[in-house]
C-alpha cells in the first residue's frame, strides 16, 4: 500500500512519523508534497519518505491520499489534482470544518472520501481522531484508514453530523487542558514551588488521570469520588470549583467552539 500526503507541516509530518514508527507502512511507501522545498528536504532527511513539490506526483504514487492542509488552502490543493483518476484511491481530508459535501464540490465528481478531525497530540503519538466516510468507501478501506490513524493515537468512526462536536471535545480541547495545567502550576508556584517542577507535577497528574479513565473503564465521577475522602482536602477543592462554575465554564467553552465550527 502506498500512502501520500499533500501537506507536510506539523500535523502531516507527525502523522507520517507515527505511521512509520509503528511499522504500519514503510517509509519508502510514503510520498509527501509541500509548497516549501526546505520542509520536504527536512522531512526526507528525518523520516526517509519520498518527496515531491508536485501534488500530482503524490496522487500518481498513492492508494490513499491524505490532504493535510489548512482549510483556507484546500481549494488550491484540490484544484491542481481534481482532473486526475481517483477510481481506485481513497482521499482523506483533515481540513477542519470542511464537509464531505464541500470536498465533493471541490473535486467536482464522486470519489471515496473520508473526513477526519485529528488533534495536535499526534505530535507525541496520542491523537484522538474522528473519521466520517462517505457512502463510496468500503469496509476494507475504513479498516485500513482507521489502522493508519491508530498508529499515532486512537481513532473512531463517527457520523458526520457529530464532527462539530468532535472539534469541541477533542480537536480544540488540548488548548483548554493546557490552560488547566498552567493554572494548576500557577497555584503551586504561588505556594513556593519552582515553575518547571510545578508544570511537571500538573502535567503528570493530568496524564495519569486521563489514563485512569481510559484503562479502568470507570465513570469519571466514580474516580473523582474515590479521591474525595470525607472531610478531606480534595472535597474542599471540588466544592470550590463547583462554586466558581468550573463545569459550566468547560461546557460553555465547548458550546461556543462547536458553534464556531458550524459557522466555518
C-alpha atoms as a PDB file:
ATOM      1  CA  UNK A   1       0.000   0.000   0.000  1.00  0.00           C
ATOM      2  CA  UNK A   2       1.198   3.483  -0.915  1.00  0.00           C
ATOM      3  CA  UNK A   3       0.294   6.471   1.250  1.00  0.00           C
ATOM      4  CA  UNK A   4       0.503  10.077   0.069  1.00  0.00           C
ATOM      5  CA  UNK A   5       0.447  13.334   1.998  1.00  0.00           C
ATOM      6  CA  UNK A   6      -0.449  16.638   0.383  1.00  0.00           C
ATOM      7  CA  UNK A   7       0.932  18.992   3.011  1.00  0.00           C
ATOM      8  CA  UNK A   8       3.916  18.210   5.213  1.00  0.00           C
ATOM      9  CA  UNK A   9       3.511  20.659   8.087  1.00  0.00           C
ATOM     10  CA  UNK A  10       3.412  19.790  11.780  1.00  0.00           C
ATOM     11  CA  UNK A  11       0.315  17.603  11.582  1.00  0.00           C
ATOM     12  CA  UNK A  12       1.270  15.845   8.367  1.00  0.00           C
ATOM     13  CA  UNK A  13       4.821  15.143   9.477  1.00  0.00           C
ATOM     14  CA  UNK A  14       3.618  13.927  12.890  1.00  0.00           C
ATOM     15  CA  UNK A  15       1.221  11.526  11.222  1.00  0.00           C
ATOM     16  CA  UNK A  16       3.953  10.216   8.939  1.00  0.00           C
ATOM     17  CA  UNK A  17       6.283   9.723  11.885  1.00  0.00           C
ATOM     18  CA  UNK A  18       3.646   7.768  13.789  1.00  0.00           C
ATOM     19  CA  UNK A  19       2.773   5.577  10.828  1.00  0.00           C
ATOM     20  CA  UNK A  20       6.429   4.746  10.178  1.00  0.00           C
ATOM     21  CA  UNK A  21       7.455   4.203  13.805  1.00  0.00           C
ATOM     22  CA  UNK A  22       4.527   1.838  14.358  1.00  0.00           C
ATOM     23  CA  UNK A  23       5.574  -0.250  11.369  1.00  0.00           C
ATOM     24  CA  UNK A  24       2.166   0.177   9.742  1.00  0.00           C
ATOM     25  CA  UNK A  25       3.742   1.425   6.495  1.00  0.00           C
ATOM     26  CA  UNK A  26       7.403   1.598   5.454  1.00  0.00           C
ATOM     27  CA  UNK A  27       8.989   4.959   4.700  1.00  0.00           C
ATOM     28  CA  UNK A  28       9.608   4.018   1.058  1.00  0.00           C
ATOM     29  CA  UNK A  29       5.845   3.537   0.623  1.00  0.00           C
ATOM     30  CA  UNK A  30       5.043   7.120   1.652  1.00  0.00           C
ATOM     31  CA  UNK A  31       5.295  10.254  -0.501  1.00  0.00           C
ATOM     32  CA  UNK A  32       4.779  13.830   0.656  1.00  0.00           C
ATOM     33  CA  UNK A  33       4.357  17.105  -1.186  1.00  0.00           C
ATOM     34  CA  UNK A  34       4.551  20.642   0.116  1.00  0.00           C
ATOM     35  CA  UNK A  35       4.972  24.157  -1.255  1.00  0.00           C
ATOM     36  CA  UNK A  36       8.220  24.562   0.690  1.00  0.00           C
ATOM     37  CA  UNK A  37      11.195  22.589  -0.603  1.00  0.00           C
ATOM     38  CA  UNK A  38      13.084  23.104   2.676  1.00  0.00           C
ATOM     39  CA  UNK A  39      10.243  21.412   4.578  1.00  0.00           C
ATOM     40  CA  UNK A  40      10.386  18.452   2.204  1.00  0.00           C
ATOM     41  CA  UNK A  41      14.155  18.158   2.431  1.00  0.00           C
ATOM     42  CA  UNK A  42      13.984  18.128   6.239  1.00  0.00           C
ATOM     43  CA  UNK A  43      11.215  15.538   6.169  1.00  0.00           C
ATOM     44  CA  UNK A  44      13.148  13.297   3.777  1.00  0.00           C
ATOM     45  CA  UNK A  45      16.231  13.512   5.971  1.00  0.00           C
ATOM     46  CA  UNK A  46      14.369  12.701   9.177  1.00  0.00           C
ATOM     47  CA  UNK A  47      11.919  10.035   8.005  1.00  0.00           C
ATOM     48  CA  UNK A  48      13.263   8.806   4.668  1.00  0.00           C
ATOM     49  CA  UNK A  49       9.970   9.285   2.818  1.00  0.00           C
ATOM     50  CA  UNK A  50       9.682  10.136  -0.865  1.00  0.00           C
ATOM     51  CA  UNK A  51       9.143  13.824  -1.571  1.00  0.00           C
ATOM     52  CA  UNK A  52       7.883  15.971  -4.424  1.00  0.00           C
ATOM     53  CA  UNK A  53       6.958  19.588  -4.924  1.00  0.00           C
ATOM     54  CA  UNK A  54       4.054  18.353  -7.076  1.00  0.00           C
ATOM     55  CA  UNK A  55       0.720  17.226  -5.608  1.00  0.00           C
ATOM     56  CA  UNK A  56       0.071  15.315  -8.813  1.00  0.00           C
ATOM     57  CA  UNK A  57       3.077  13.099  -8.139  1.00  0.00           C
ATOM     58  CA  UNK A  58       1.555  12.199  -4.775  1.00  0.00           C
ATOM     59  CA  UNK A  59      -1.758  11.213  -6.379  1.00  0.00           C
ATOM     60  CA  UNK A  60       0.001   9.085  -9.018  1.00  0.00           C
ATOM     61  CA  UNK A  61       2.070   7.355  -6.323  1.00  0.00           C
ATOM     62  CA  UNK A  62      -0.599   6.679  -3.711  1.00  0.00           C
ATOM     63  CA  UNK A  63      -3.503   4.381  -2.932  1.00  0.00           C
ATOM     64  CA  UNK A  64      -4.576   6.594  -0.020  1.00  0.00           C
ATOM     65  CA  UNK A  65      -4.091  10.361  -0.269  1.00  0.00           C
ATOM     66  CA  UNK A  66      -4.214  12.382   2.955  1.00  0.00           C
ATOM     67  CA  UNK A  67      -4.805  16.081   2.354  1.00  0.00           C
ATOM     68  CA  UNK A  68      -3.140  17.691   5.372  1.00  0.00           C
ATOM     69  CA  UNK A  69      -3.522  21.391   4.609  1.00  0.00           C
ATOM     70  CA  UNK A  70      -5.316  24.182   6.440  1.00  0.00           C
ATOM     71  CA  UNK A  71      -8.912  24.863   5.328  1.00  0.00           C
ATOM     72  CA  UNK A  72      -8.057  28.095   3.504  1.00  0.00           C
ATOM     73  CA  UNK A  73      -5.581  26.230   1.288  1.00  0.00           C
ATOM     74  CA  UNK A  74      -7.875  23.316   0.496  1.00  0.00           C
ATOM     75  CA  UNK A  75      -9.391  24.728  -2.743  1.00  0.00           C
ATOM     76  CA  UNK A  76      -5.944  25.410  -4.209  1.00  0.00           C
ATOM     77  CA  UNK A  77      -4.657  21.967  -3.193  1.00  0.00           C
ATOM     78  CA  UNK A  78      -7.594  20.219  -4.838  1.00  0.00           C
ATOM     79  CA  UNK A  79      -7.794  22.394  -7.960  1.00  0.00           C
ATOM     80  CA  UNK A  80      -4.484  21.057  -9.240  1.00  0.00           C
ATOM     81  CA  UNK A  81      -5.431  17.383  -8.900  1.00  0.00           C
ATOM     82  CA  UNK A  82      -9.213  17.180  -9.380  1.00  0.00           C
ATOM     83  CA  UNK A  83      -8.905  16.161 -13.047  1.00  0.00           C
ATOM     84  CA  UNK A  84      -6.915  13.028 -12.145  1.00  0.00           C
ATOM     85  CA  UNK A  85      -8.236   9.462 -11.880  1.00  0.00           C
ATOM     86  CA  UNK A  86      -9.272   8.609  -8.309  1.00  0.00           C
ATOM     87  CA  UNK A  87     -11.301   5.494  -9.115  1.00  0.00           C
ATOM     88  CA  UNK A  88      -9.053   3.140  -7.100  1.00  0.00           C
ATOM     89  CA  UNK A  89      -7.976   5.639  -4.446  1.00  0.00           C
ATOM     90  CA  UNK A  90      -9.248   6.903  -1.096  1.00  0.00           C
ATOM     91  CA  UNK A  91      -8.956  10.607  -0.312  1.00  0.00           C
ATOM     92  CA  UNK A  92      -8.729  11.619   3.339  1.00  0.00           C
ATOM     93  CA  UNK A  93      -9.066  15.272   4.388  1.00  0.00           C
ATOM     94  CA  UNK A  94      -8.081  16.625   7.798  1.00  0.00           C
ATOM     95  CA  UNK A  95      -9.077  20.217   6.929  1.00  0.00           C
ATOM     96  CA  UNK A  96     -11.192  21.473   9.822  1.00  0.00           C
ATOM     97  CA  UNK A  97     -14.810  22.354   9.099  1.00  0.00           C
ATOM     98  CA  UNK A  98     -14.781  21.077   5.521  1.00  0.00           C
ATOM     99  CA  UNK A  99     -17.724  18.725   4.977  1.00  0.00           C
ATOM    100  CA  UNK A 100     -17.891  15.711   2.709  1.00  0.00           C
ATOM    101  CA  UNK A 101     -20.305  17.670   0.508  1.00  0.00           C
ATOM    102  CA  UNK A 102     -17.811  20.537   0.271  1.00  0.00           C
ATOM    103  CA  UNK A 103     -14.993  18.129  -0.613  1.00  0.00           C
ATOM    104  CA  UNK A 104     -17.113  16.539  -3.335  1.00  0.00           C
ATOM    105  CA  UNK A 105     -17.948  20.009  -4.658  1.00  0.00           C
ATOM    106  CA  UNK A 106     -14.254  20.946  -4.843  1.00  0.00           C
ATOM    107  CA  UNK A 107     -13.386  17.740  -6.687  1.00  0.00           C
ATOM    108  CA  UNK A 108     -16.444  18.066  -8.922  1.00  0.00           C
ATOM    109  CA  UNK A 109     -17.095  14.325  -9.006  1.00  0.00           C
ATOM    110  CA  UNK A 110     -17.861  11.249  -6.934  1.00  0.00           C
ATOM    111  CA  UNK A 111     -14.909   9.592  -5.225  1.00  0.00           C
ATOM    112  CA  UNK A 112     -14.085   7.790  -1.998  1.00  0.00           C
ATOM    113  CA  UNK A 113     -13.808  10.468   0.692  1.00  0.00           C
ATOM    114  CA  UNK A 114     -13.137  10.336   4.416  1.00  0.00           C
ATOM    115  CA  UNK A 115     -13.325  13.447   6.563  1.00  0.00           C
ATOM    116  CA  UNK A 116     -11.108  13.273   9.649  1.00  0.00           C
ATOM    117  CA  UNK A 117     -10.620  15.520  12.661  1.00  0.00           C
ATOM    118  CA  UNK A 118      -7.376  14.615  14.473  1.00  0.00           C
ATOM    119  CA  UNK A 119      -5.724  16.780  17.131  1.00  0.00           C
ATOM    120  CA  UNK A 120      -2.249  18.069  17.935  1.00  0.00           C
ATOM    121  CA  UNK A 121      -1.278  15.294  20.421  1.00  0.00           C
ATOM    122  CA  UNK A 122      -0.488  13.406  17.221  1.00  0.00           C
ATOM    123  CA  UNK A 123       2.902  15.069  17.757  1.00  0.00           C
ATOM    124  CA  UNK A 124       3.507  12.661  20.659  1.00  0.00           C
ATOM    125  CA  UNK A 125       1.571   9.686  19.329  1.00  0.00           C
ATOM    126  CA  UNK A 126      -1.549  10.358  21.398  1.00  0.00           C
ATOM    127  CA  UNK A 127      -4.013  11.831  18.903  1.00  0.00           C
ATOM    128  CA  UNK A 128      -7.775  11.368  19.081  1.00  0.00           C
ATOM    129  CA  UNK A 129      -9.159  11.186  15.557  1.00  0.00           C
ATOM    130  CA  UNK A 130     -12.782  11.056  14.367  1.00  0.00           C
ATOM    131  CA  UNK A 131     -13.416   9.601  10.904  1.00  0.00           C
ATOM    132  CA  UNK A 132     -16.511  10.122   8.754  1.00  0.00           C
ATOM    133  CA  UNK A 133     -16.502   8.219   5.418  1.00  0.00           C
ATOM    134  CA  UNK A 134     -18.871   8.800   2.525  1.00  0.00           C
ATOM    135  CA  UNK A 135     -21.029   6.050   1.065  1.00  0.00           C
ATOM    136  CA  UNK A 136     -18.443   5.017  -1.552  1.00  0.00           C
ATOM    137  CA  UNK A 137     -15.825   3.986   0.998  1.00  0.00           C
ATOM    138  CA  UNK A 138     -15.767   0.226   1.611  1.00  0.00           C
ATOM    139  CA  UNK A 139     -15.444  -1.518   4.967  1.00  0.00           C
ATOM    140  CA  UNK A 140     -11.973  -2.662   3.931  1.00  0.00           C
ATOM    141  CA  UNK A 141     -10.990   0.932   3.118  1.00  0.00           C
ATOM    142  CA  UNK A 142     -12.278   2.068   6.511  1.00  0.00           C
ATOM    143  CA  UNK A 143     -10.301  -0.605   8.373  1.00  0.00           C
ATOM    144  CA  UNK A 144      -7.103   0.422   6.608  1.00  0.00           C
ATOM    145  CA  UNK A 145      -7.550   4.134   7.264  1.00  0.00           C
ATOM    146  CA  UNK A 146      -8.524   3.570  10.912  1.00  0.00           C
ATOM    147  CA  UNK A 147      -5.365   1.496  11.338  1.00  0.00           C
ATOM    148  CA  UNK A 148      -3.302   4.355   9.901  1.00  0.00           C
ATOM    149  CA  UNK A 149      -4.774   6.863  12.331  1.00  0.00           C
ATOM    150  CA  UNK A 150      -4.483   4.481  15.279  1.00  0.00           C
ATOM    151  CA  UNK A 151      -0.737   4.274  14.616  1.00  0.00           C
ATOM    152  CA  UNK A 152      -0.398   7.697  16.274  1.00  0.00           C
ATOM    153  CA  UNK A 153      -3.228   7.616  18.801  1.00  0.00           C
ATOM    154  CA  UNK A 154      -6.841   6.483  18.933  1.00  0.00           C
ATOM    155  CA  UNK A 155      -9.447   6.679  16.167  1.00  0.00           C
ATOM    156  CA  UNK A 156     -13.171   6.086  15.883  1.00  0.00           C
ATOM    157  CA  UNK A 157     -15.806   6.285  13.174  1.00  0.00           C
ATOM    158  CA  UNK A 158     -18.469   8.930  13.883  1.00  0.00           C
ATOM    159  CA  UNK A 159     -21.455  10.204  11.883  1.00  0.00           C
ATOM    160  CA  UNK A 160     -20.511  13.396  10.067  1.00  0.00           C
ATOM    161  CA  UNK A 161     -23.175  15.325  11.991  1.00  0.00           C
ATOM    162  CA  UNK A 162     -21.005  14.855  15.119  1.00  0.00           C
ATOM    163  CA  UNK A 163     -17.838  16.329  13.596  1.00  0.00           C
ATOM    164  CA  UNK A 164     -18.572  19.782  15.020  1.00  0.00           C
ATOM    165  CA  UNK A 165     -18.971  18.225  18.478  1.00  0.00           C
ATOM    166  CA  UNK A 166     -15.633  16.453  17.900  1.00  0.00           C
ATOM    167  CA  UNK A 167     -13.988  19.850  17.359  1.00  0.00           C
ATOM    168  CA  UNK A 168     -15.234  20.952  20.782  1.00  0.00           C
ATOM    169  CA  UNK A 169     -14.363  17.823  22.736  1.00  0.00           C
ATOM    170  CA  UNK A 170     -11.044  16.798  21.177  1.00  0.00           C
ATOM    171  CA  UNK A 171      -9.998  18.972  18.237  1.00  0.00           C
ATOM    172  CA  UNK A 172      -9.733  22.186  20.249  1.00  0.00           C
ATOM    173  CA  UNK A 173      -9.734  20.814  23.801  1.00  0.00           C
ATOM    174  CA  UNK A 174      -5.964  20.377  24.131  1.00  0.00           C
ATOM    175  CA  UNK A 175      -5.895  24.188  24.477  1.00  0.00           C
ATOM    176  CA  UNK A 176      -8.332  24.002  27.408  1.00  0.00           C
ATOM    177  CA  UNK A 177      -6.235  21.288  29.033  1.00  0.00           C
ATOM    178  CA  UNK A 178      -3.043  23.325  28.629  1.00  0.00           C
ATOM    179  CA  UNK A 179      -4.798  26.225  30.354  1.00  0.00           C
ATOM    180  CA  UNK A 180      -5.827  23.895  33.190  1.00  0.00           C
ATOM    181  CA  UNK A 181      -2.252  22.628  33.557  1.00  0.00           C
ATOM    182  CA  UNK A 182      -0.974  26.192  33.568  1.00  0.00           C
ATOM    183  CA  UNK A 183      -3.498  27.197  36.224  1.00  0.00           C
ATOM    184  CA  UNK A 184      -2.604  24.180  38.386  1.00  0.00           C
ATOM    185  CA  UNK A 185       1.052  25.125  38.124  1.00  0.00           C
ATOM    186  CA  UNK A 186       0.325  28.762  38.974  1.00  0.00           C
ATOM    187  CA  UNK A 187      -1.366  27.658  42.182  1.00  0.00           C
ATOM    188  CA  UNK A 188       1.682  25.652  43.229  1.00  0.00           C
ATOM    189  CA  UNK A 189       4.074  28.449  42.239  1.00  0.00           C
ATOM    190  CA  UNK A 190       2.061  30.791  44.477  1.00  0.00           C
ATOM    191  CA  UNK A 191       2.913  28.414  47.322  1.00  0.00           C
ATOM    192  CA  UNK A 192       6.634  28.426  46.534  1.00  0.00           C
ATOM    193  CA  UNK A 193       7.130  25.521  44.107  1.00  0.00           C
ATOM    194  CA  UNK A 194       9.590  26.216  41.237  1.00  0.00           C
ATOM    195  CA  UNK A 195       7.663  26.704  37.981  1.00  0.00           C
ATOM    196  CA  UNK A 196       9.378  23.949  35.975  1.00  0.00           C
ATOM    197  CA  UNK A 197       8.649  21.473  38.755  1.00  0.00           C
ATOM    198  CA  UNK A 198       5.061  22.718  39.031  1.00  0.00           C
ATOM    199  CA  UNK A 199       4.441  22.111  35.324  1.00  0.00           C
ATOM    200  CA  UNK A 200       5.806  18.575  35.667  1.00  0.00           C
ATOM    201  CA  UNK A 201       3.573  17.770  38.646  1.00  0.00           C
ATOM    202  CA  UNK A 202       0.490  19.273  36.991  1.00  0.00           C
ATOM    203  CA  UNK A 203       1.044  17.638  33.589  1.00  0.00           C
ATOM    204  CA  UNK A 204       1.730  14.210  35.091  1.00  0.00           C
ATOM    205  CA  UNK A 205      -1.402  14.464  37.238  1.00  0.00           C
ATOM    206  CA  UNK A 206      -3.491  15.197  34.134  1.00  0.00           C
ATOM    207  CA  UNK A 207      -1.800  12.416  32.150  1.00  0.00           C
ATOM    208  CA  UNK A 208      -2.280   9.868  34.919  1.00  0.00           C
ATOM    209  CA  UNK A 209      -5.898  10.848  35.486  1.00  0.00           C
ATOM    210  CA  UNK A 210      -6.717  10.525  31.783  1.00  0.00           C
ATOM    211  CA  UNK A 211      -5.036   7.121  31.714  1.00  0.00           C
ATOM    212  CA  UNK A 212      -7.133   6.005  34.682  1.00  0.00           C
ATOM    213  CA  UNK A 213     -10.325   6.889  32.796  1.00  0.00           C
ATOM    214  CA  UNK A 214      -9.237   5.042  29.657  1.00  0.00           C
ATOM    215  CA  UNK A 215      -7.756   1.958  31.273  1.00  0.00           C
ATOM    216  CA  UNK A 216     -10.101   1.303  34.184  1.00  0.00           C
ATOM    217  CA  UNK A 217     -13.329   1.985  32.298  1.00  0.00           C
ATOM    218  CA  UNK A 218     -14.713   3.582  35.452  1.00  0.00           C
ATOM    219  CA  UNK A 219     -17.067   6.557  35.227  1.00  0.00           C
ATOM    220  CA  UNK A 220     -15.097   9.799  35.800  1.00  0.00           C
ATOM    221  CA  UNK A 221     -17.481  10.657  38.624  1.00  0.00           C
ATOM    222  CA  UNK A 222     -16.608   7.406  40.419  1.00  0.00           C
ATOM    223  CA  UNK A 223     -12.892   8.096  40.056  1.00  0.00           C
ATOM    224  CA  UNK A 224     -13.441  11.611  41.381  1.00  0.00           C
ATOM    225  CA  UNK A 225     -15.361  10.252  44.375  1.00  0.00           C
ATOM    226  CA  UNK A 226     -12.519   7.823  45.106  1.00  0.00           C
ATOM    227  CA  UNK A 227     -10.151  10.777  45.604  1.00  0.00           C
ATOM    228  CA  UNK A 228     -12.576  12.726  47.789  1.00  0.00           C
ATOM    229  CA  UNK A 229     -12.124  11.448  51.340  1.00  0.00           C
ATOM    230  CA  UNK A 230     -14.847  12.562  53.791  1.00  0.00           C
ATOM    231  CA  UNK A 231     -13.866  15.868  55.349  1.00  0.00           C
ATOM    232  CA  UNK A 232     -10.640  15.895  53.330  1.00  0.00           C
ATOM    233  CA  UNK A 233      -8.694  18.320  51.200  1.00  0.00           C
ATOM    234  CA  UNK A 234      -9.971  17.173  47.798  1.00  0.00           C
ATOM    235  CA  UNK A 235     -13.676  17.632  48.510  1.00  0.00           C
ATOM    236  CA  UNK A 236     -12.902  21.184  49.657  1.00  0.00           C
ATOM    237  CA  UNK A 237     -11.212  21.857  46.314  1.00  0.00           C
ATOM    238  CA  UNK A 238     -14.080  20.238  44.386  1.00  0.00           C
ATOM    239  CA  UNK A 239     -16.619  22.373  46.267  1.00  0.00           C
ATOM    240  CA  UNK A 240     -14.654  25.497  45.381  1.00  0.00           C
ATOM    241  CA  UNK A 241     -14.536  24.522  41.697  1.00  0.00           C
ATOM    242  CA  UNK A 242     -18.291  23.905  41.693  1.00  0.00           C
ATOM    243  CA  UNK A 243     -18.975  27.248  43.405  1.00  0.00           C
ATOM    244  CA  UNK A 244     -16.868  29.035  40.790  1.00  0.00           C
ATOM    245  CA  UNK A 245     -18.695  27.379  37.887  1.00  0.00           C
ATOM    246  CA  UNK A 246     -15.924  25.050  36.705  1.00  0.00           C
ATOM    247  CA  UNK A 247     -18.195  22.574  34.894  1.00  0.00           C
ATOM    248  CA  UNK A 248     -20.326  25.289  33.336  1.00  0.00           C
ATOM    249  CA  UNK A 249     -17.243  27.132  32.105  1.00  0.00           C
ATOM    250  CA  UNK A 250     -15.991  23.992  30.331  1.00  0.00           C
ATOM    251  CA  UNK A 251     -19.398  23.228  28.811  1.00  0.00           C
ATOM    252  CA  UNK A 252     -19.826  26.823  27.655  1.00  0.00           C
ATOM    253  CA  UNK A 253     -16.347  26.823  26.104  1.00  0.00           C
ATOM    254  CA  UNK A 254     -17.257  23.689  24.156  1.00  0.00           C
ATOM    255  CA  UNK A 255     -20.568  25.207  23.101  1.00  0.00           C
ATOM    256  CA  UNK A 256     -19.030  28.334  21.562  1.00  0.00           C
ATOM    257  CA  UNK A 257     -16.262  26.269  19.985  1.00  0.00           C
ATOM    258  CA  UNK A 258     -18.799  23.958  18.337  1.00  0.00           C
ATOM    259  CA  UNK A 259     -20.900  26.901  17.179  1.00  0.00           C
ATOM    260  CA  UNK A 260     -17.846  28.496  15.576  1.00  0.00           C
ATOM    261  CA  UNK A 261     -17.056  25.199  13.853  1.00  0.00           C
ATOM    262  CA  UNK A 262     -20.587  25.159  12.398  1.00  0.00           C
ATOM    263  CA  UNK A 263     -20.138  28.725  11.116  1.00  0.00           C
ATOM    264  CA  UNK A 264     -16.913  27.730   9.363  1.00  0.00           C
END
